């Protein structure tokens, strides 16, 4: 006759906690349903510009570049690089935008530096190092206001938001996704903290009151 073992109360509690935690993990990892422009009768925006001549319009190129960059799963850390662009797997929010635009043929490091040289009064006094100027949100806000098309900041004006757009928050910046939530508000491709696990998130609606500007490159 086999001997039966009974778990003591502490062991039972421990197992219950583990099972509960596993259930929560499974639930939180189930992706929420996302939608596309077509689900809301919105036409996809196709840029007439192909800056890098790769056969893909700029708007699509920027979105593709953002996705390619986040596939590398960069680790959030603010560091200085003598070459401007991070090359060691680390990055911050501005690097998502810089890499996305670089994929379309826009070198933000050179573009921002040149604009600062031409119009220094438009920027804060603390500029002059091309390796870091383009990685500061405040400088990108000035640059895009000078060079890009500025659009609505109302996230519920959903037809005015397209994947590949740039959105600036208070102290943060990201790329607008072509995926939308149930309300039609786009998801956000961004990198905002050391604890962030997913880089394409339903955050635009939740942070609507923090939005400072919304841009389209071409």
N, C-alpha and C. Protein backbone atom coordinates (compact mmCIF):
# COMPACT_ATOMS: atom_id res chain seq x y z
N UNK A 1 0.84 -1.18 0.00
CA UNK A 1 0.00 0.00 0.00
C UNK A 1 0.89 1.25 0.00
N UNK A 2 0.60 2.15 -0.98
CA UNK A 2 1.41 3.33 -1.08
C UNK A 2 1.11 4.30 0.05
N UNK A 3 2.18 4.90 0.52
CA UNK A 3 2.04 5.86 1.60
C UNK A 3 1.60 7.20 1.04
N UNK A 4 0.58 7.79 1.64
CA UNK A 4 0.07 9.08 1.19
C UNK A 4 0.77 10.21 1.95
N UNK A 5 1.10 11.23 1.18
CA UNK A 5 1.75 12.39 1.79
C UNK A 5 0.77 13.56 1.79
N UNK A 6 0.67 14.21 2.89
CA UNK A 6 -0.17 15.40 3.00
C UNK A 6 0.71 16.63 3.13
N UNK A 7 0.38 17.62 2.32
CA UNK A 7 1.14 18.85 2.39
C UNK A 7 0.77 19.63 3.64
N UNK A 8 1.77 20.17 4.26
CA UNK A 8 1.53 21.02 5.42
C UNK A 8 0.98 22.37 4.94
N UNK A 9 0.35 23.10 5.85
CA UNK A 9 -0.29 24.37 5.50
C UNK A 9 0.64 25.34 4.80
N UNK A 10 1.88 25.58 5.28
CA UNK A 10 2.78 26.52 4.60
C UNK A 10 3.05 26.12 3.16
N UNK A 11 3.20 24.82 2.91
CA UNK A 11 3.47 24.34 1.55
C UNK A 11 2.26 24.59 0.66
N UNK A 12 1.07 24.36 1.20
CA UNK A 12 -0.15 24.60 0.44
C UNK A 12 -0.28 26.07 0.05
N UNK A 13 0.05 26.92 0.99
CA UNK A 13 -0.03 28.36 0.74
C UNK A 13 0.95 28.77 -0.35
N UNK A 14 2.17 28.21 -0.27
CA UNK A 14 3.20 28.53 -1.24
C UNK A 14 2.77 28.12 -2.64
N UNK A 15 2.20 26.91 -2.76
CA UNK A 15 1.75 26.42 -4.06
C UNK A 15 0.62 27.30 -4.60
N UNK A 16 -0.28 27.70 -3.72
CA UNK A 16 -1.40 28.56 -4.13
C UNK A 16 -0.91 29.89 -4.66
N UNK A 17 0.11 30.45 -3.98
CA UNK A 17 0.68 31.73 -4.41
C UNK A 17 1.34 31.59 -5.77
N UNK A 18 2.09 30.50 -5.97
CA UNK A 18 2.76 30.26 -7.25
C UNK A 18 1.75 30.13 -8.38
N UNK A 19 0.68 29.37 -8.13
CA UNK A 19 -0.35 29.19 -9.15
C UNK A 19 -1.04 30.49 -9.48
N UNK A 20 -1.31 31.29 -8.47
CA UNK A 20 -1.97 32.58 -8.68
C UNK A 20 -1.08 33.52 -9.49
N UNK A 21 0.21 33.53 -9.14
CA UNK A 21 1.15 34.38 -9.85
C UNK A 21 1.28 33.95 -11.31
N UNK A 22 1.28 32.63 -11.54
CA UNK A 22 1.37 32.11 -12.90
C UNK A 22 0.16 32.52 -13.72
N UNK A 23 -1.02 32.48 -13.07
CA UNK A 23 -2.25 32.85 -13.76
C UNK A 23 -2.23 34.32 -14.16
N UNK A 24 -1.74 35.15 -13.26
CA UNK A 24 -1.66 36.59 -13.55
C UNK A 24 -0.69 36.84 -14.70
N UNK A 25 0.44 36.13 -14.68
CA UNK A 25 1.44 36.28 -15.74
C UNK A 25 0.88 35.89 -17.09
N UNK A 26 0.13 34.79 -17.11
CA UNK A 26 -0.46 34.32 -18.36
C UNK A 26 -1.47 35.34 -18.88
N UNK A 27 -2.31 35.87 -17.97
CA UNK A 27 -3.34 36.82 -18.37
C UNK A 27 -2.73 38.10 -18.92
N UNK A 28 -1.71 38.62 -18.21
CA UNK A 28 -1.12 39.88 -18.63
C UNK A 28 -0.32 39.74 -19.91
N UNK A 29 0.06 38.51 -20.27
CA UNK A 29 0.82 38.31 -21.50
C UNK A 29 -0.07 38.05 -22.70
N UNK A 30 -1.38 37.93 -22.47
CA UNK A 30 -2.30 37.75 -23.60
C UNK A 30 -2.44 39.09 -24.31
N UNK A 31 -2.07 39.18 -25.59
CA UNK A 31 -2.14 40.47 -26.27
C UNK A 31 -3.57 40.95 -26.44
N UNK A 32 -3.79 42.26 -26.22
CA UNK A 32 -5.10 42.84 -26.44
C UNK A 32 -5.34 42.92 -27.93
N UNK A 33 -6.60 42.86 -28.33
CA UNK A 33 -6.92 42.94 -29.75
C UNK A 33 -6.57 44.33 -30.27
N UNK A 34 -5.95 44.38 -31.43
CA UNK A 34 -5.63 45.65 -32.05
C UNK A 34 -6.34 45.76 -33.39
N UNK A 35 -6.41 46.99 -33.87
CA UNK A 35 -7.16 47.27 -35.09
C UNK A 35 -6.28 48.05 -36.07
N UNK A 36 -6.75 48.17 -37.29
CA UNK A 36 -6.01 48.88 -38.32
C UNK A 36 -6.82 50.08 -38.81
N UNK A 37 -6.21 50.87 -39.68
CA UNK A 37 -6.92 52.00 -40.28
C UNK A 37 -8.22 51.55 -40.94
N UNK A 38 -8.15 50.42 -41.64
CA UNK A 38 -9.31 49.93 -42.38
C UNK A 38 -10.50 49.68 -41.47
N UNK A 39 -10.25 49.27 -40.24
CA UNK A 39 -11.34 49.00 -39.30
C UNK A 39 -12.13 50.25 -38.96
N UNK A 40 -11.52 51.42 -39.17
CA UNK A 40 -12.19 52.68 -38.85
C UNK A 40 -12.43 53.53 -40.10
N UNK A 41 -12.25 52.92 -41.27
CA UNK A 41 -12.50 53.62 -42.52
C UNK A 41 -11.51 54.73 -42.80
N UNK A 42 -10.27 54.56 -42.29
CA UNK A 42 -9.23 55.56 -42.49
C UNK A 42 -8.26 55.08 -43.56
N UNK A 43 -7.97 55.93 -44.51
CA UNK A 43 -7.04 55.58 -45.58
C UNK A 43 -5.61 55.64 -45.05
N UNK A 44 -4.78 54.68 -45.46
CA UNK A 44 -3.36 54.71 -45.08
C UNK A 44 -2.69 55.90 -45.75
N UNK A 45 -1.87 56.61 -44.96
CA UNK A 45 -1.14 57.73 -45.53
C UNK A 45 0.14 57.21 -46.19
N UNK A 46 0.32 57.57 -47.46
CA UNK A 46 1.52 57.20 -48.20
C UNK A 46 2.24 58.49 -48.58
N UNK A 47 3.47 58.63 -48.11
CA UNK A 47 4.23 59.83 -48.42
C UNK A 47 4.64 59.85 -49.89
N UNK A 48 4.71 61.04 -50.46
CA UNK A 48 5.16 61.17 -51.84
C UNK A 48 6.68 61.20 -51.92
N UNK A 49 7.34 61.17 -50.76
CA UNK A 49 8.80 61.27 -50.71
C UNK A 49 9.43 59.93 -50.38
N UNK A 50 10.51 59.62 -51.06
CA UNK A 50 11.32 58.44 -50.77
C UNK A 50 12.77 58.92 -50.67
N UNK A 51 13.11 59.46 -49.53
CA UNK A 51 14.39 60.15 -49.38
C UNK A 51 15.59 59.26 -49.67
N UNK A 52 15.53 58.00 -49.22
CA UNK A 52 16.69 57.12 -49.42
C UNK A 52 16.61 56.31 -50.71
N UNK A 53 15.55 56.50 -51.48
CA UNK A 53 15.45 55.85 -52.79
C UNK A 53 15.39 54.34 -52.74
N UNK A 54 14.81 53.79 -51.66
CA UNK A 54 14.76 52.34 -51.54
C UNK A 54 13.46 51.74 -52.05
N UNK A 55 12.59 52.58 -52.64
CA UNK A 55 11.33 52.08 -53.16
C UNK A 55 10.21 52.08 -52.15
N UNK A 56 10.52 52.48 -50.90
CA UNK A 56 9.51 52.54 -49.84
C UNK A 56 9.35 54.00 -49.42
N UNK A 57 8.11 54.47 -49.39
CA UNK A 57 7.88 55.88 -49.05
C UNK A 57 8.35 56.19 -47.63
N UNK A 58 8.64 57.45 -47.35
CA UNK A 58 9.21 57.84 -46.07
C UNK A 58 8.37 57.43 -44.87
N UNK A 59 7.05 57.63 -44.97
CA UNK A 59 6.18 57.32 -43.83
C UNK A 59 6.29 55.84 -43.46
N UNK A 60 6.25 54.99 -44.45
CA UNK A 60 6.36 53.55 -44.22
C UNK A 60 7.77 53.18 -43.75
N UNK A 61 8.77 53.85 -44.31
CA UNK A 61 10.16 53.60 -43.95
C UNK A 61 10.42 53.93 -42.48
N UNK A 62 9.86 55.03 -42.03
CA UNK A 62 10.03 55.45 -40.63
C UNK A 62 9.40 54.42 -39.69
N UNK A 63 8.19 54.00 -40.02
CA UNK A 63 7.51 53.00 -39.20
C UNK A 63 8.29 51.69 -39.18
N UNK A 64 8.75 51.26 -40.34
CA UNK A 64 9.54 50.03 -40.42
C UNK A 64 10.83 50.16 -39.61
N UNK A 65 11.47 51.33 -39.70
CA UNK A 65 12.70 51.55 -38.95
C UNK A 65 12.50 51.49 -37.45
N UNK A 66 11.38 52.02 -36.98
CA UNK A 66 11.07 51.97 -35.55
C UNK A 66 10.91 50.52 -35.09
N UNK A 67 10.20 49.74 -35.90
CA UNK A 67 9.98 48.33 -35.53
C UNK A 67 11.27 47.53 -35.58
N UNK A 68 12.10 47.80 -36.57
CA UNK A 68 13.38 47.09 -36.67
C UNK A 68 14.26 47.40 -35.45
N UNK A 69 14.22 48.65 -35.03
CA UNK A 69 15.04 49.04 -33.87
C UNK A 69 14.56 48.36 -32.60
N UNK A 70 13.26 48.36 -32.34
CA UNK A 70 12.79 47.76 -31.09
C UNK A 70 12.95 46.24 -31.07
N UNK A 71 13.12 45.64 -32.25
CA UNK A 71 13.40 44.20 -32.28
C UNK A 71 14.72 43.88 -31.60
N UNK A 72 15.61 44.86 -31.53
CA UNK A 72 16.91 44.65 -30.88
C UNK A 72 16.78 44.68 -29.36
N UNK A 73 15.59 45.04 -28.86
CA UNK A 73 15.32 45.11 -27.41
C UNK A 73 16.38 45.92 -26.67
N UNK A 74 16.52 47.19 -27.02
CA UNK A 74 17.52 48.03 -26.37
C UNK A 74 17.27 48.16 -24.87
N UNK A 75 18.34 48.27 -24.12
CA UNK A 75 18.25 48.46 -22.68
C UNK A 75 18.28 49.95 -22.39
N UNK A 76 17.36 50.39 -21.55
CA UNK A 76 17.26 51.83 -21.29
C UNK A 76 18.42 52.30 -20.42
N UNK A 77 19.21 53.20 -20.97
CA UNK A 77 20.29 53.83 -20.22
C UNK A 77 20.75 55.07 -20.98
N UNK A 78 20.88 56.17 -20.26
CA UNK A 78 21.34 57.41 -20.86
C UNK A 78 22.86 57.47 -20.80
N UNK A 79 23.50 57.42 -21.96
CA UNK A 79 24.96 57.46 -22.05
C UNK A 79 25.37 58.40 -23.18
N UNK A 80 26.61 58.85 -23.11
CA UNK A 80 27.15 59.71 -24.17
C UNK A 80 27.97 58.83 -25.13
N UNK A 81 27.82 59.09 -26.43
CA UNK A 81 28.56 58.33 -27.44
C UNK A 81 29.30 59.31 -28.34
N UNK A 82 30.57 59.06 -28.53
CA UNK A 82 31.38 59.96 -29.35
C UNK A 82 30.94 59.95 -30.81
N UNK A 83 30.25 58.90 -31.22
CA UNK A 83 29.74 58.83 -32.59
C UNK A 83 28.29 59.23 -32.69
N UNK A 84 27.73 59.68 -31.58
CA UNK A 84 26.34 60.13 -31.57
C UNK A 84 25.35 59.00 -31.33
N UNK A 85 25.31 58.05 -32.24
CA UNK A 85 24.34 56.95 -32.15
C UNK A 85 24.85 55.84 -31.24
N UNK A 86 24.01 55.35 -30.32
CA UNK A 86 24.42 54.22 -29.47
C UNK A 86 24.81 53.01 -30.31
N UNK A 87 25.84 52.29 -29.85
CA UNK A 87 26.31 51.13 -30.61
C UNK A 87 26.54 49.91 -29.71
N UNK A 88 25.92 49.94 -28.52
CA UNK A 88 26.19 48.86 -27.57
C UNK A 88 24.93 48.24 -26.96
N UNK A 89 23.79 48.43 -27.61
CA UNK A 89 22.56 47.82 -27.12
C UNK A 89 21.79 48.66 -26.12
N UNK A 90 22.31 49.83 -25.78
CA UNK A 90 21.61 50.73 -24.87
C UNK A 90 20.94 51.83 -25.66
N UNK A 91 20.02 52.54 -25.01
CA UNK A 91 19.36 53.64 -25.70
C UNK A 91 18.33 54.33 -24.83
N UNK A 92 17.77 55.41 -25.34
CA UNK A 92 16.72 56.16 -24.65
C UNK A 92 15.61 56.45 -25.66
N UNK A 93 14.62 57.21 -25.25
CA UNK A 93 13.45 57.42 -26.09
C UNK A 93 13.79 58.07 -27.42
N UNK A 94 14.71 59.02 -27.42
CA UNK A 94 15.06 59.72 -28.65
C UNK A 94 15.71 58.81 -29.67
N UNK A 95 16.32 57.73 -29.21
CA UNK A 95 16.98 56.81 -30.13
C UNK A 95 15.98 56.03 -30.98
N UNK A 96 14.77 55.81 -30.46
CA UNK A 96 13.74 55.16 -31.26
C UNK A 96 13.43 56.03 -32.48
N UNK A 97 13.30 57.33 -32.24
CA UNK A 97 12.98 58.27 -33.32
C UNK A 97 14.16 58.42 -34.27
N UNK A 98 15.35 58.56 -33.71
CA UNK A 98 16.54 58.75 -34.55
C UNK A 98 16.78 57.54 -35.45
N UNK A 99 16.62 56.35 -34.91
CA UNK A 99 16.84 55.14 -35.72
C UNK A 99 15.72 54.95 -36.74
N UNK A 100 14.50 55.31 -36.36
CA UNK A 100 13.39 55.20 -37.31
C UNK A 100 13.61 56.11 -38.51
N UNK A 101 14.02 57.35 -38.24
CA UNK A 101 14.26 58.30 -39.32
C UNK A 101 15.50 57.94 -40.14
N UNK A 102 16.49 57.39 -39.47
CA UNK A 102 17.70 56.99 -40.19
C UNK A 102 17.37 55.91 -41.22
N UNK A 103 16.40 55.07 -40.90
CA UNK A 103 15.98 54.01 -41.83
C UNK A 103 15.37 54.59 -43.10
N UNK A 104 14.87 55.83 -42.99
CA UNK A 104 14.27 56.48 -44.16
C UNK A 104 15.23 57.44 -44.85
N UNK A 105 16.46 57.54 -44.32
CA UNK A 105 17.45 58.39 -44.95
C UNK A 105 17.65 59.74 -44.29
N UNK A 106 17.09 59.91 -43.09
CA UNK A 106 17.24 61.17 -42.36
C UNK A 106 18.23 60.96 -41.21
N UNK A 107 19.37 61.61 -41.29
CA UNK A 107 20.38 61.52 -40.23
C UNK A 107 20.14 62.66 -39.25
N UNK A 108 19.42 62.38 -38.17
CA UNK A 108 19.05 63.43 -37.23
C UNK A 108 20.26 64.11 -36.60
N UNK A 109 21.31 63.37 -36.38
CA UNK A 109 22.50 63.97 -35.78
C UNK A 109 23.00 65.12 -36.65
N UNK A 110 23.12 64.87 -37.94
CA UNK A 110 23.62 65.90 -38.86
C UNK A 110 22.58 66.99 -39.09
N UNK A 111 21.32 66.60 -39.20
CA UNK A 111 20.27 67.57 -39.50
C UNK A 111 20.05 68.55 -38.34
N UNK A 112 20.00 68.01 -37.13
CA UNK A 112 19.79 68.88 -35.96
C UNK A 112 21.01 69.78 -35.76
N UNK A 113 22.20 69.23 -35.91
CA UNK A 113 23.42 70.02 -35.75
C UNK A 113 23.47 71.17 -36.75
N UNK A 114 23.11 70.90 -38.00
CA UNK A 114 23.13 71.94 -39.02
C UNK A 114 22.09 73.02 -38.73
N UNK A 115 20.93 72.61 -38.22
CA UNK A 115 19.89 73.59 -37.92
C UNK A 115 20.28 74.46 -36.74
N UNK A 116 20.95 73.87 -35.76
CA UNK A 116 21.43 74.64 -34.62
C UNK A 116 22.46 75.67 -35.07
N UNK A 117 23.33 75.29 -35.98
CA UNK A 117 24.34 76.21 -36.49
C UNK A 117 23.70 77.38 -37.23
N UNK A 118 22.65 77.09 -37.97
CA UNK A 118 21.99 78.14 -38.76
C UNK A 118 21.09 79.04 -37.90
N UNK A 119 20.46 78.42 -36.89
CA UNK A 119 19.47 79.16 -36.09
C UNK A 119 19.70 78.92 -34.59
N UNK A 120 20.84 79.29 -34.05
CA UNK A 120 21.14 79.00 -32.65
C UNK A 120 20.16 79.63 -31.66
N UNK A 121 19.59 80.78 -32.01
CA UNK A 121 18.68 81.46 -31.09
C UNK A 121 17.37 80.69 -30.88
N UNK A 122 17.07 79.78 -31.80
CA UNK A 122 15.83 79.01 -31.68
C UNK A 122 15.93 77.92 -30.62
N UNK A 123 17.17 77.58 -30.26
CA UNK A 123 17.41 76.48 -29.33
C UNK A 123 17.85 77.00 -27.96
N UNK A 124 17.84 76.10 -26.98
CA UNK A 124 18.36 76.45 -25.66
C UNK A 124 19.85 76.75 -25.76
N UNK A 125 20.37 77.55 -24.84
CA UNK A 125 21.81 77.87 -24.88
C UNK A 125 22.71 76.64 -24.74
N UNK A 126 22.20 75.59 -24.09
CA UNK A 126 23.01 74.40 -23.83
C UNK A 126 23.04 73.45 -25.03
N UNK A 127 23.57 73.93 -26.13
CA UNK A 127 23.73 73.11 -27.33
C UNK A 127 25.13 73.37 -27.89
N UNK A 128 25.50 72.57 -28.88
CA UNK A 128 26.81 72.77 -29.48
C UNK A 128 27.63 71.51 -29.58
N UNK A 129 27.07 70.39 -29.10
CA UNK A 129 27.73 69.10 -29.22
C UNK A 129 26.83 68.19 -30.07
N UNK A 130 27.19 68.02 -31.32
CA UNK A 130 26.33 67.28 -32.25
C UNK A 130 26.10 65.84 -31.82
N UNK A 131 27.00 65.28 -31.01
CA UNK A 131 26.86 63.90 -30.59
C UNK A 131 25.73 63.68 -29.58
N UNK A 132 25.25 64.75 -28.96
CA UNK A 132 24.21 64.59 -27.95
C UNK A 132 23.00 65.49 -28.20
N UNK A 133 23.18 66.58 -28.95
CA UNK A 133 22.08 67.52 -29.16
C UNK A 133 20.84 66.85 -29.74
N UNK A 134 21.03 65.95 -30.69
CA UNK A 134 19.89 65.30 -31.36
C UNK A 134 19.23 64.22 -30.51
N UNK A 135 19.82 63.94 -29.35
CA UNK A 135 19.26 62.92 -28.46
C UNK A 135 18.56 63.56 -27.26
N UNK A 136 18.26 64.82 -27.36
CA UNK A 136 17.53 65.52 -26.30
C UNK A 136 16.14 65.90 -26.84
N UNK A 137 15.10 65.56 -26.08
CA UNK A 137 13.73 65.79 -26.51
C UNK A 137 13.49 67.26 -26.81
N UNK A 138 13.99 68.13 -25.96
CA UNK A 138 13.72 69.57 -26.14
C UNK A 138 14.27 70.08 -27.47
N UNK A 139 15.40 69.56 -27.90
CA UNK A 139 15.98 69.98 -29.18
C UNK A 139 15.19 69.42 -30.36
N UNK A 140 14.74 68.17 -30.23
CA UNK A 140 13.94 67.57 -31.30
C UNK A 140 12.62 68.30 -31.47
N UNK A 141 12.04 68.75 -30.36
CA UNK A 141 10.79 69.51 -30.43
C UNK A 141 10.99 70.78 -31.25
N UNK A 142 12.07 71.48 -30.99
CA UNK A 142 12.37 72.70 -31.75
C UNK A 142 12.62 72.36 -33.22
N UNK A 143 13.43 71.34 -33.45
CA UNK A 143 13.78 70.97 -34.82
C UNK A 143 12.55 70.58 -35.64
N UNK A 144 11.70 69.73 -35.07
CA UNK A 144 10.53 69.28 -35.82
C UNK A 144 9.53 70.42 -36.03
N UNK A 145 9.42 71.31 -35.08
CA UNK A 145 8.53 72.46 -35.28
C UNK A 145 9.03 73.36 -36.41
N UNK A 146 10.30 73.32 -36.66
CA UNK A 146 10.88 74.14 -37.71
C UNK A 146 10.85 73.43 -39.07
N UNK A 147 10.84 72.11 -39.08
CA UNK A 147 11.05 71.39 -40.34
C UNK A 147 9.95 70.41 -40.74
N UNK A 148 9.10 70.02 -39.81
CA UNK A 148 8.08 69.00 -40.12
C UNK A 148 6.68 69.61 -40.10
N UNK A 149 5.72 68.84 -40.52
CA UNK A 149 4.32 69.27 -40.50
C UNK A 149 3.74 68.98 -39.12
N UNK A 150 3.23 70.02 -38.47
CA UNK A 150 2.67 69.83 -37.12
C UNK A 150 1.17 69.58 -37.23
N UNK A 151 0.71 68.55 -36.53
CA UNK A 151 -0.68 68.10 -36.62
C UNK A 151 -1.36 68.18 -35.26
N UNK A 152 -2.58 67.70 -35.20
CA UNK A 152 -3.38 67.77 -33.99
C UNK A 152 -2.76 66.98 -32.83
N UNK A 153 -3.04 67.41 -31.62
CA UNK A 153 -2.64 66.65 -30.42
C UNK A 153 -3.85 65.95 -29.81
N UNK A 154 -5.01 66.08 -30.45
CA UNK A 154 -6.23 65.42 -29.97
C UNK A 154 -6.22 63.96 -30.44
N UNK A 155 -6.01 63.05 -29.51
CA UNK A 155 -5.88 61.63 -29.90
C UNK A 155 -7.19 61.05 -30.41
N UNK A 156 -8.30 61.72 -30.13
CA UNK A 156 -9.59 61.20 -30.59
C UNK A 156 -9.96 61.71 -31.99
N UNK A 157 -9.13 62.57 -32.54
CA UNK A 157 -9.26 62.94 -33.95
C UNK A 157 -8.46 61.90 -34.74
N UNK A 158 -8.97 60.68 -34.70
CA UNK A 158 -8.16 59.51 -35.07
C UNK A 158 -7.71 59.49 -36.52
N UNK A 159 -8.46 60.12 -37.41
CA UNK A 159 -8.07 60.10 -38.83
C UNK A 159 -6.82 60.92 -39.08
N UNK A 160 -6.44 61.76 -38.13
CA UNK A 160 -5.25 62.61 -38.28
C UNK A 160 -3.98 61.96 -37.74
N UNK A 161 -4.10 60.73 -37.25
CA UNK A 161 -2.94 60.02 -36.71
C UNK A 161 -2.63 58.84 -37.62
N UNK A 162 -1.34 58.72 -38.00
CA UNK A 162 -0.92 57.65 -38.89
C UNK A 162 0.36 57.01 -38.38
N UNK A 163 0.51 55.73 -38.66
CA UNK A 163 1.74 55.04 -38.31
C UNK A 163 2.94 55.71 -38.98
N UNK A 164 3.98 55.99 -38.19
CA UNK A 164 5.14 56.67 -38.72
C UNK A 164 5.20 58.13 -38.32
N UNK A 165 4.10 58.65 -37.75
CA UNK A 165 4.12 60.01 -37.21
C UNK A 165 5.00 60.04 -35.97
N UNK A 166 5.35 61.23 -35.53
CA UNK A 166 6.17 61.43 -34.33
C UNK A 166 5.32 62.15 -33.30
N UNK A 167 5.35 61.68 -32.06
CA UNK A 167 4.61 62.33 -30.99
C UNK A 167 5.56 62.71 -29.87
N UNK A 168 5.44 63.95 -29.40
CA UNK A 168 6.29 64.45 -28.33
C UNK A 168 5.45 64.69 -27.08
N UNK A 169 5.92 64.14 -25.97
CA UNK A 169 5.28 64.35 -24.68
C UNK A 169 6.16 65.29 -23.85
N UNK A 170 5.75 65.54 -22.64
CA UNK A 170 6.58 66.30 -21.72
C UNK A 170 7.75 65.40 -21.31
N UNK A 171 8.92 65.66 -21.87
CA UNK A 171 10.11 64.87 -21.54
C UNK A 171 10.19 63.51 -22.18
N UNK A 172 9.40 63.26 -23.20
CA UNK A 172 9.39 61.94 -23.84
C UNK A 172 9.03 62.09 -25.31
N UNK A 173 9.38 61.09 -26.12
CA UNK A 173 9.09 61.13 -27.54
C UNK A 173 8.96 59.71 -28.07
N UNK A 174 8.17 59.52 -29.12
CA UNK A 174 8.01 58.19 -29.68
C UNK A 174 7.45 58.24 -31.10
N UNK A 175 7.28 57.07 -31.68
CA UNK A 175 6.73 56.92 -33.03
C UNK A 175 5.33 56.33 -32.92
N UNK A 176 4.42 56.89 -33.69
CA UNK A 176 3.04 56.40 -33.71
C UNK A 176 2.98 55.08 -34.47
N UNK A 177 2.27 54.11 -33.91
CA UNK A 177 2.11 52.80 -34.53
C UNK A 177 0.97 52.82 -35.55
N UNK A 178 0.96 51.84 -36.45
CA UNK A 178 -0.17 51.69 -37.37
C UNK A 178 -1.23 50.77 -36.77
N UNK A 179 -0.99 50.28 -35.56
CA UNK A 179 -2.00 49.50 -34.84
C UNK A 179 -2.80 50.44 -33.95
N UNK A 180 -4.08 50.14 -33.77
CA UNK A 180 -4.95 51.00 -32.97
C UNK A 180 -5.69 50.20 -31.90
N UNK A 181 -6.12 50.90 -30.85
CA UNK A 181 -6.92 50.24 -29.83
C UNK A 181 -8.39 50.27 -30.24
N UNK A 182 -9.26 49.80 -29.39
CA UNK A 182 -10.68 49.69 -29.74
C UNK A 182 -11.34 51.05 -29.99
N UNK A 183 -10.73 52.11 -29.49
CA UNK A 183 -11.26 53.45 -29.70
C UNK A 183 -10.68 54.12 -30.94
N UNK A 184 -9.79 53.41 -31.62
CA UNK A 184 -9.17 53.96 -32.81
C UNK A 184 -7.91 54.75 -32.55
N UNK A 185 -7.53 54.87 -31.28
CA UNK A 185 -6.33 55.61 -30.93
C UNK A 185 -5.11 54.72 -31.18
N UNK A 186 -4.10 55.22 -31.88
CA UNK A 186 -2.95 54.38 -32.21
C UNK A 186 -2.14 53.96 -30.98
N UNK A 187 -1.44 52.86 -31.12
CA UNK A 187 -0.48 52.45 -30.11
C UNK A 187 0.78 53.31 -30.26
N UNK A 188 1.68 53.18 -29.32
CA UNK A 188 2.89 54.00 -29.32
C UNK A 188 4.12 53.10 -29.34
N UNK A 189 5.05 53.38 -30.24
CA UNK A 189 6.34 52.68 -30.28
C UNK A 189 7.34 53.59 -29.57
N UNK A 190 7.84 53.13 -28.43
CA UNK A 190 8.68 54.01 -27.62
C UNK A 190 9.55 53.22 -26.66
N UNK A 191 10.41 53.93 -25.95
CA UNK A 191 11.31 53.32 -24.96
C UNK A 191 11.45 54.31 -23.82
N UNK A 192 10.77 54.00 -22.70
CA UNK A 192 10.67 55.02 -21.66
C UNK A 192 11.25 54.72 -20.30
N UNK A 193 11.68 53.47 -20.05
CA UNK A 193 12.19 53.19 -18.71
C UNK A 193 13.00 51.89 -18.70
N UNK A 194 13.72 51.71 -17.57
CA UNK A 194 14.55 50.51 -17.41
C UNK A 194 13.71 49.24 -17.26
N UNK A 195 12.47 49.39 -16.81
CA UNK A 195 11.62 48.22 -16.54
C UNK A 195 10.70 47.85 -17.71
N UNK A 196 10.73 48.62 -18.78
CA UNK A 196 9.85 48.38 -19.91
C UNK A 196 10.20 47.07 -20.61
N UNK A 197 9.20 46.24 -20.81
CA UNK A 197 9.40 44.94 -21.46
C UNK A 197 8.92 44.95 -22.91
N UNK A 198 7.84 45.66 -23.17
CA UNK A 198 7.30 45.75 -24.53
C UNK A 198 7.51 47.17 -25.04
N UNK A 199 7.79 47.32 -26.32
CA UNK A 199 8.12 48.62 -26.88
C UNK A 199 7.00 49.20 -27.75
N UNK A 200 5.99 48.41 -28.03
CA UNK A 200 4.82 48.89 -28.78
C UNK A 200 3.61 48.70 -27.88
N UNK A 201 3.11 49.80 -27.33
CA UNK A 201 2.13 49.72 -26.26
C UNK A 201 0.95 50.67 -26.48
N UNK A 202 -0.15 50.34 -25.83
CA UNK A 202 -1.34 51.18 -25.86
C UNK A 202 -1.19 52.25 -24.79
N UNK A 203 -0.40 53.28 -25.10
CA UNK A 203 -0.09 54.32 -24.10
C UNK A 203 -0.51 55.72 -24.55
N UNK A 204 -0.79 55.90 -25.82
CA UNK A 204 -1.08 57.24 -26.33
C UNK A 204 -2.33 57.84 -25.68
N UNK A 205 -3.37 57.03 -25.56
CA UNK A 205 -4.61 57.51 -24.97
C UNK A 205 -4.43 57.82 -23.48
N UNK A 206 -3.71 56.95 -22.80
CA UNK A 206 -3.50 57.13 -21.36
C UNK A 206 -2.67 58.38 -21.05
N UNK A 207 -1.82 58.76 -21.99
CA UNK A 207 -0.94 59.90 -21.77
C UNK A 207 -1.34 61.12 -22.61
N UNK A 208 -2.60 61.16 -22.99
CA UNK A 208 -3.07 62.22 -23.90
C UNK A 208 -2.85 63.62 -23.33
N UNK A 209 -2.94 63.78 -22.02
CA UNK A 209 -2.78 65.10 -21.42
C UNK A 209 -1.33 65.55 -21.36
N UNK A 210 -0.40 64.64 -21.66
CA UNK A 210 1.02 64.98 -21.63
C UNK A 210 1.56 65.31 -23.02
N UNK A 211 0.72 65.15 -24.06
CA UNK A 211 1.19 65.36 -25.42
C UNK A 211 1.46 66.84 -25.67
N UNK A 212 2.64 67.12 -26.17
CA UNK A 212 3.06 68.49 -26.47
C UNK A 212 2.91 68.80 -27.96
N UNK A 213 3.24 67.81 -28.80
CA UNK A 213 3.20 68.05 -30.25
C UNK A 213 3.12 66.73 -31.00
N UNK A 214 2.67 66.83 -32.24
CA UNK A 214 2.49 65.67 -33.13
C UNK A 214 2.94 66.11 -34.52
N UNK A 215 3.89 65.34 -35.09
CA UNK A 215 4.51 65.74 -36.35
C UNK A 215 4.44 64.65 -37.41
N UNK A 216 4.55 65.08 -38.66
CA UNK A 216 4.72 64.17 -39.80
C UNK A 216 5.88 64.72 -40.62
N UNK A 217 6.82 63.85 -40.95
CA UNK A 217 8.03 64.30 -41.64
C UNK A 217 7.76 64.73 -43.07
N UNK A 218 6.95 63.97 -43.80
CA UNK A 218 6.72 64.33 -45.20
C UNK A 218 5.32 63.93 -45.63
